[in-house]
């Protein structure tokens, strides 16, 4: 047996793996779902970081096991020799090396946070700011004839210019429970996002413009169609033929001081009934080609911010 002792190696631990999983979950959650996934990742990270630090500190504070040495006797036989007691050191509870190590790690973590957090915030934050906020004034509700679709084009963000122009199909459904009822359909096809067209003749000679919103009445609309891939929808936006996976998206409606205001966009699986009496199966806004109900929706458990 040699007199040299093997270096002390900490036992294998799963805490670093859990810590890495927590960090990955946190970063993914910041992009995909900051309200649910990100907090879960933060909790996992904190728990495994605590367990990891506790293990490391416990290993360092625990005494190292000393392998008993074999001492030869006069007859050549080896017997166990009692280990010599280690000399007691005064004031060794907080040695300078541990203080410097902790201070270095803490300072490095602080610097890393100061450098990483702002950069991460600038990369991630814009995806979650001003989502679904249109606040577009479409004009007085009296300008929309009851039972007739009107094509409206508008700028979601006037500062961005024409790149933010959108189109919606608006129909005045009349009065429901003493309140005006409107249907506002998005022109984005639920297949691949191509612009659908109204299956009716736009009356361009009756076009009107107010506050940057162009409004064109249409003749009796039998529905909507996608010229790109043949998707067809009825007058409520339900898919009737072609490859679309759901009904057309819709806009929320708000009426203020007798004017029609455009709200958030949401997705629709299908619509039962028509006009003011229609029952809309509403979901969070999903991307083109993504199912929002049924077993197929399990393939899209998370939706990116829009």
Protein backbone atom coordinates (compact mmCIF):
# COMPACT_ATOMS: atom_id res chain seq x y z
CA UNK A 1 0.00 0.00 0.00
CA UNK A 2 1.37 3.44 -0.88
CA UNK A 3 1.32 6.38 1.47
CA UNK A 4 -0.31 8.70 -1.06
CA UNK A 5 -4.07 9.16 -0.74
CA UNK A 6 -6.42 9.26 -3.73
CA UNK A 7 -7.87 12.73 -4.41
CA UNK A 8 -11.36 13.27 -3.02
CA UNK A 9 -13.90 13.09 -5.84
CA UNK A 10 -17.54 14.05 -5.15
CA UNK A 11 -20.11 11.38 -5.90
CA UNK A 12 -22.17 11.65 -9.11
CA UNK A 13 -25.24 13.86 -8.80
CA UNK A 14 -28.36 14.57 -10.85
CA UNK A 15 -28.77 18.11 -9.51
CA UNK A 16 -26.68 19.74 -12.30
CA UNK A 17 -28.81 17.94 -14.90
CA UNK A 18 -32.02 19.21 -13.27
CA UNK A 19 -30.53 22.71 -13.08
CA UNK A 20 -29.75 22.63 -16.82
CA UNK A 21 -33.25 21.37 -17.61
CA UNK A 22 -34.71 24.21 -15.54
CA UNK A 23 -32.64 26.83 -17.38
CA UNK A 24 -33.69 25.40 -20.76
CA UNK A 25 -37.36 25.35 -19.71
CA UNK A 26 -37.11 28.93 -18.48
CA UNK A 27 -35.62 30.20 -21.75
CA UNK A 28 -38.15 28.32 -23.87
CA UNK A 29 -40.96 29.60 -21.66
CA UNK A 30 -39.87 33.21 -22.12
CA UNK A 31 -40.42 32.82 -25.84
CA UNK A 32 -43.39 30.45 -25.96
CA UNK A 33 -45.49 30.98 -22.82
CA UNK A 34 -44.17 33.45 -20.20
CA UNK A 35 -47.27 33.03 -18.04
CA UNK A 36 -47.02 29.25 -17.55
CA UNK A 37 -43.84 27.64 -18.91
CA UNK A 38 -41.41 30.35 -17.76
CA UNK A 39 -42.50 30.22 -14.05
CA UNK A 40 -42.25 26.42 -14.10
CA UNK A 41 -38.71 26.66 -15.48
CA UNK A 42 -37.78 29.24 -12.83
CA UNK A 43 -39.08 27.00 -10.03
CA UNK A 44 -37.18 23.96 -11.38
CA UNK A 45 -34.00 26.04 -11.68
CA UNK A 46 -34.20 27.39 -8.12
CA UNK A 47 -34.97 23.98 -6.58
CA UNK A 48 -32.13 22.14 -8.32
CA UNK A 49 -29.70 25.02 -7.78
CA UNK A 50 -30.43 24.86 -4.04
CA UNK A 51 -29.96 21.08 -3.95
CA UNK A 52 -26.76 21.32 -5.97
CA UNK A 53 -25.26 24.02 -3.73
CA UNK A 54 -26.28 22.11 -0.62
CA UNK A 55 -24.55 18.97 -1.89
CA UNK A 56 -21.38 20.85 -2.81
CA UNK A 57 -21.19 22.68 0.52
CA UNK A 58 -21.93 19.45 2.40
CA UNK A 59 -19.11 17.63 0.61
CA UNK A 60 -16.66 20.42 1.38
CA UNK A 61 -17.60 20.77 5.01
CA UNK A 62 -17.60 17.00 5.67
CA UNK A 63 -14.42 15.36 6.80
CA UNK A 64 -12.55 13.27 4.26
CA UNK A 65 -12.40 9.59 5.01
CA UNK A 66 -8.82 8.44 5.59
CA UNK A 67 -7.99 4.96 4.42
CA UNK A 68 -6.33 3.01 7.23
CA UNK A 69 -2.69 2.20 6.53
CA UNK A 70 -1.07 -1.21 6.96
CA UNK A 71 1.86 -1.19 9.35
CA UNK A 72 4.44 -4.04 9.15
CA UNK A 73 5.23 -6.07 12.29
CA UNK A 74 8.45 -7.79 13.30
CA UNK A 75 7.21 -11.10 11.92
CA UNK A 76 6.54 -9.51 8.50
CA UNK A 77 2.80 -9.57 8.93
CA UNK A 78 0.79 -6.46 8.22
CA UNK A 79 -1.71 -5.09 10.72
CA UNK A 80 -3.97 -2.08 10.64
CA UNK A 81 -2.38 1.07 11.96
CA UNK A 82 -4.43 3.60 13.80
CA UNK A 83 -4.77 6.81 11.75
CA UNK A 84 -3.01 9.73 13.27
CA UNK A 85 -5.38 12.42 14.48
CA UNK A 86 -5.32 15.53 12.32
CA UNK A 87 -4.01 18.60 14.09
CA UNK A 88 -6.71 20.98 15.10
CA UNK A 89 -6.66 24.30 13.32
CA UNK A 90 -7.90 27.39 15.05
CA UNK A 91 -10.47 29.64 13.39
CA UNK A 92 -10.92 27.31 10.40
CA UNK A 93 -14.68 27.73 10.12
CA UNK A 94 -14.38 30.48 7.51
CA UNK A 95 -11.00 30.09 5.79
CA UNK A 96 -9.87 32.78 3.39
CA UNK A 97 -9.87 30.43 0.39
CA UNK A 98 -13.59 29.66 0.76
CA UNK A 99 -14.43 33.33 1.15
CA UNK A 100 -12.47 34.24 -1.98
CA UNK A 101 -14.07 31.38 -3.91
CA UNK A 102 -17.59 32.41 -2.90
CA UNK A 103 -16.89 36.07 -3.60
CA UNK A 104 -15.49 35.23 -7.05
CA UNK A 105 -18.48 33.06 -7.96
CA UNK A 106 -20.93 35.65 -6.69
CA UNK A 107 -19.23 38.49 -8.55
CA UNK A 108 -19.11 36.40 -11.74
CA UNK A 109 -22.82 35.59 -11.44
CA UNK A 110 -23.67 39.26 -10.90
CA UNK A 111 -21.64 40.36 -13.92
CA UNK A 112 -23.15 37.58 -16.04
CA UNK A 113 -26.65 38.66 -15.02
CA UNK A 114 -25.97 42.32 -15.78
CA UNK A 115 -24.69 41.42 -19.23
CA UNK A 116 -27.23 38.69 -20.10
CA UNK A 117 -30.54 39.95 -18.72
CA UNK A 118 -30.71 43.26 -20.67
CA UNK A 119 -29.69 41.55 -23.92
CA UNK A 120 -32.21 38.77 -23.35
CA UNK A 121 -34.89 41.32 -22.53
CA UNK A 122 -34.30 43.27 -25.74
CA UNK A 123 -34.50 40.03 -27.74
CA UNK A 124 -37.60 38.57 -26.08
CA UNK A 125 -39.68 41.54 -24.88
CA UNK A 126 -40.79 42.88 -28.31
CA UNK A 127 -42.57 39.59 -29.03
CA UNK A 128 -44.86 40.17 -26.04
CA UNK A 129 -45.53 43.90 -26.32
CA UNK A 130 -48.62 45.34 -27.99
CA UNK A 131 -49.91 41.95 -29.11
CA UNK A 132 -53.46 41.78 -30.57
CA UNK A 133 -53.91 45.54 -30.05
CA UNK A 134 -55.57 47.15 -33.09
CA UNK A 135 -57.73 50.01 -31.78
CA UNK A 136 -58.85 50.84 -35.33
CA UNK A 137 -61.82 53.16 -35.75
CA UNK A 138 -63.86 51.77 -38.66
CA UNK A 139 -66.38 54.62 -38.65
CA UNK A 140 -69.96 55.30 -37.51
CA UNK A 141 -72.12 52.18 -37.17
CA UNK A 142 -74.75 53.92 -39.30
CA UNK A 143 -72.43 53.62 -42.32
CA UNK A 144 -72.77 49.82 -42.31
CA UNK A 145 -75.97 48.61 -43.95
CA UNK A 146 -77.68 45.76 -42.12
CA UNK A 147 -77.14 42.30 -43.65
CA UNK A 148 -74.53 43.54 -46.14
CA UNK A 149 -70.82 42.75 -46.11
CA UNK A 150 -68.39 45.61 -46.44
CA UNK A 151 -64.69 45.30 -47.28
CA UNK A 152 -62.54 47.44 -44.98
CA UNK A 153 -58.80 47.97 -45.34
CA UNK A 154 -56.86 49.67 -42.55
CA UNK A 155 -53.41 50.15 -41.03
CA UNK A 156 -52.81 48.26 -37.80
CA UNK A 157 -49.80 50.48 -37.09
CA UNK A 158 -49.87 53.76 -39.04
CA UNK A 159 -46.26 54.44 -38.03
CA UNK A 160 -45.17 51.26 -39.87
CA UNK A 161 -46.92 52.30 -43.06
CA UNK A 162 -48.43 50.08 -45.73
CA UNK A 163 -46.66 46.96 -44.45
CA UNK A 164 -49.19 46.88 -41.61
CA UNK A 165 -52.27 47.14 -43.86
CA UNK A 166 -54.95 44.53 -43.18
CA UNK A 167 -58.33 43.65 -44.69
CA UNK A 168 -61.51 42.62 -42.88
CA UNK A 169 -65.03 41.73 -43.98
CA UNK A 170 -67.67 43.48 -41.86
CA UNK A 171 -71.38 42.76 -41.66
CA UNK A 172 -73.99 44.54 -39.59
CA UNK A 173 -76.17 41.80 -38.05
CA UNK A 174 -78.79 44.16 -36.66
CA UNK A 175 -79.73 44.43 -32.99
CA UNK A 176 -79.32 41.69 -30.39
CA UNK A 177 -80.74 42.36 -26.91
CA UNK A 178 -80.93 46.09 -27.63
CA UNK A 179 -77.27 46.16 -28.70
CA UNK A 180 -75.82 46.38 -32.23
CA UNK A 181 -74.29 43.12 -33.46
CA UNK A 182 -71.43 42.92 -35.97
CA UNK A 183 -69.48 40.13 -37.63
CA UNK A 184 -65.88 40.99 -38.56
CA UNK A 185 -63.95 38.29 -40.42
CA UNK A 186 -60.24 38.28 -41.16
CA UNK A 187 -59.23 37.78 -44.78
CA UNK A 188 -56.36 35.46 -43.77
CA UNK A 189 -57.01 31.93 -45.02
CA UNK A 190 -56.83 29.26 -42.30
CA UNK A 191 -54.83 27.04 -44.65
CA UNK A 192 -51.60 28.95 -45.36
CA UNK A 193 -52.57 32.55 -44.64
CA UNK A 194 -53.31 33.63 -48.22
CA UNK A 195 -55.80 36.51 -48.62
CA UNK A 196 -59.31 35.22 -49.24
CA UNK A 197 -61.73 37.16 -51.43
CA UNK A 198 -65.41 37.82 -51.00
CA UNK A 199 -67.63 35.79 -53.35
CA UNK A 200 -69.57 38.85 -54.37
CA UNK A 201 -69.06 41.92 -56.51
CA UNK A 202 -67.40 44.86 -54.66
CA UNK A 203 -69.19 48.12 -55.43
CA UNK A 204 -66.09 50.22 -56.01
CA UNK A 205 -68.12 53.23 -57.09
CA UNK A 206 -69.46 53.47 -53.53
CA UNK A 207 -66.03 53.40 -51.86
CA UNK A 208 -65.55 55.73 -48.89
CA UNK A 209 -62.49 56.66 -46.86
CA UNK A 210 -62.32 57.96 -43.29
CA UNK A 211 -59.34 58.21 -40.94
CA UNK A 212 -57.21 55.99 -43.17
CA UNK A 213 -59.87 53.26 -43.42
CA UNK A 214 -61.15 52.36 -46.90
CA UNK A 215 -64.67 50.88 -46.99
CA UNK A 216 -66.18 49.23 -50.06
CA UNK A 217 -69.73 47.79 -49.95
CA UNK A 218 -70.31 44.47 -51.71
CA UNK A 219 -73.23 42.91 -53.48
CA UNK A 220 -74.88 39.87 -51.83
CA UNK A 221 -71.92 37.77 -50.66
CA UNK A 222 -72.34 34.00 -50.97
CA UNK A 223 -69.18 33.38 -48.94
CA UNK A 224 -65.45 33.67 -49.36
CA UNK A 225 -62.82 31.87 -51.41
CA UNK A 226 -59.05 31.54 -51.49
CA UNK A 227 -57.68 31.98 -55.03
CA UNK A 228 -54.38 30.29 -54.11
CA UNK A 229 -55.40 26.78 -53.03
CA UNK A 230 -59.17 26.64 -53.47
CA UNK A 231 -60.32 26.97 -49.86
CA UNK A 232 -63.98 27.94 -49.56
CA UNK A 233 -65.94 29.43 -46.65
CA UNK A 234 -69.60 30.26 -46.13
CA UNK A 235 -70.96 33.64 -45.08
CA UNK A 236 -70.15 32.90 -41.40
CA UNK A 237 -66.56 31.95 -42.22
CA UNK A 238 -67.06 28.18 -41.81
CA UNK A 239 -64.93 26.01 -44.07
CA UNK A 240 -67.04 24.39 -46.78
CA UNK A 241 -64.38 22.98 -49.14
CA UNK A 242 -60.67 22.80 -49.79
CA UNK A 243 -57.66 22.40 -47.47
CA UNK A 244 -58.36 24.92 -44.63
CA UNK A 245 -58.39 23.27 -41.19
CA UNK A 246 -60.87 25.60 -39.48
CA UNK A 247 -63.09 28.63 -39.94
CA UNK A 248 -61.80 32.12 -40.70
CA UNK A 249 -60.35 34.11 -37.82
CA UNK A 250 -62.44 36.95 -36.40
CA UNK A 251 -61.94 40.34 -34.77
CA UNK A 252 -63.49 41.37 -31.50
CA UNK A 253 -65.89 44.31 -31.77
CA UNK A 254 -66.33 47.34 -29.54
CA UNK A 255 -68.74 50.24 -29.97
CA UNK A 256 -67.89 53.62 -28.48
CA UNK A 257 -69.81 56.86 -29.03
CA UNK A 258 -71.68 55.28 -31.93
CA UNK A 259 -68.49 54.24 -33.75
CA UNK A 260 -67.29 50.74 -34.60
CA UNK A 261 -63.88 49.84 -33.15
CA UNK A 262 -61.77 46.86 -34.10
CA UNK A 263 -60.49 44.67 -31.24
CA UNK A 264 -58.24 41.64 -30.84
CA UNK A 265 -57.98 38.81 -33.35
CA UNK A 266 -59.01 35.30 -32.31
CA UNK A 267 -59.35 31.92 -34.01
CA UNK A 268 -62.59 30.01 -34.56
CA UNK A 269 -63.08 26.27 -35.01
CA UNK A 270 -66.60 26.62 -36.39
CA UNK A 271 -69.77 28.70 -36.07
CA UNK A 272 -73.27 27.40 -35.32
CA UNK A 273 -76.13 29.53 -36.58
CA UNK A 274 -75.99 32.79 -38.47
CA UNK A 275 -75.88 36.51 -37.88
CA UNK A 276 -76.57 37.88 -34.42
CA UNK A 277 -77.75 34.45 -33.18
CA UNK A 278 -74.53 32.66 -34.22
CA UNK A 279 -72.68 30.64 -31.60
CA UNK A 280 -68.95 31.11 -32.12
CA UNK A 281 -66.48 28.47 -30.88
CA UNK A 282 -63.67 30.83 -29.94
CA UNK A 283 -59.98 30.04 -29.30
CA UNK A 284 -56.70 31.87 -28.83
CA UNK A 285 -55.24 33.11 -32.11
CA UNK A 286 -53.48 30.26 -33.92
CA UNK A 287 -51.33 30.21 -37.01
CA UNK A 288 -52.47 29.14 -40.48
CA UNK A 289 -52.78 25.38 -40.84
CA UNK A 290 -52.99 24.79 -37.07
CA UNK A 291 -55.96 22.97 -35.59
CA UNK A 292 -57.59 24.51 -32.53
CA UNK A 293 -59.87 21.62 -31.53
CA UNK A 294 -60.04 17.84 -31.78
CA UNK A 295 -57.16 15.36 -31.50
CA UNK A 296 -55.16 17.29 -34.11
CA UNK A 297 -54.92 20.24 -31.71
CA UNK A 298 -52.74 18.09 -29.43
CA UNK A 299 -49.97 18.56 -32.01
CA UNK A 300 -50.04 22.31 -31.26
CA UNK A 301 -50.06 22.50 -27.42
CA UNK A 302 -48.27 25.86 -27.38
CA UNK A 303 -48.83 28.91 -29.56
CA UNK A 304 -46.18 31.60 -30.09
CA UNK A 305 -47.18 35.16 -29.27
CA UNK A 306 -48.83 37.16 -32.06
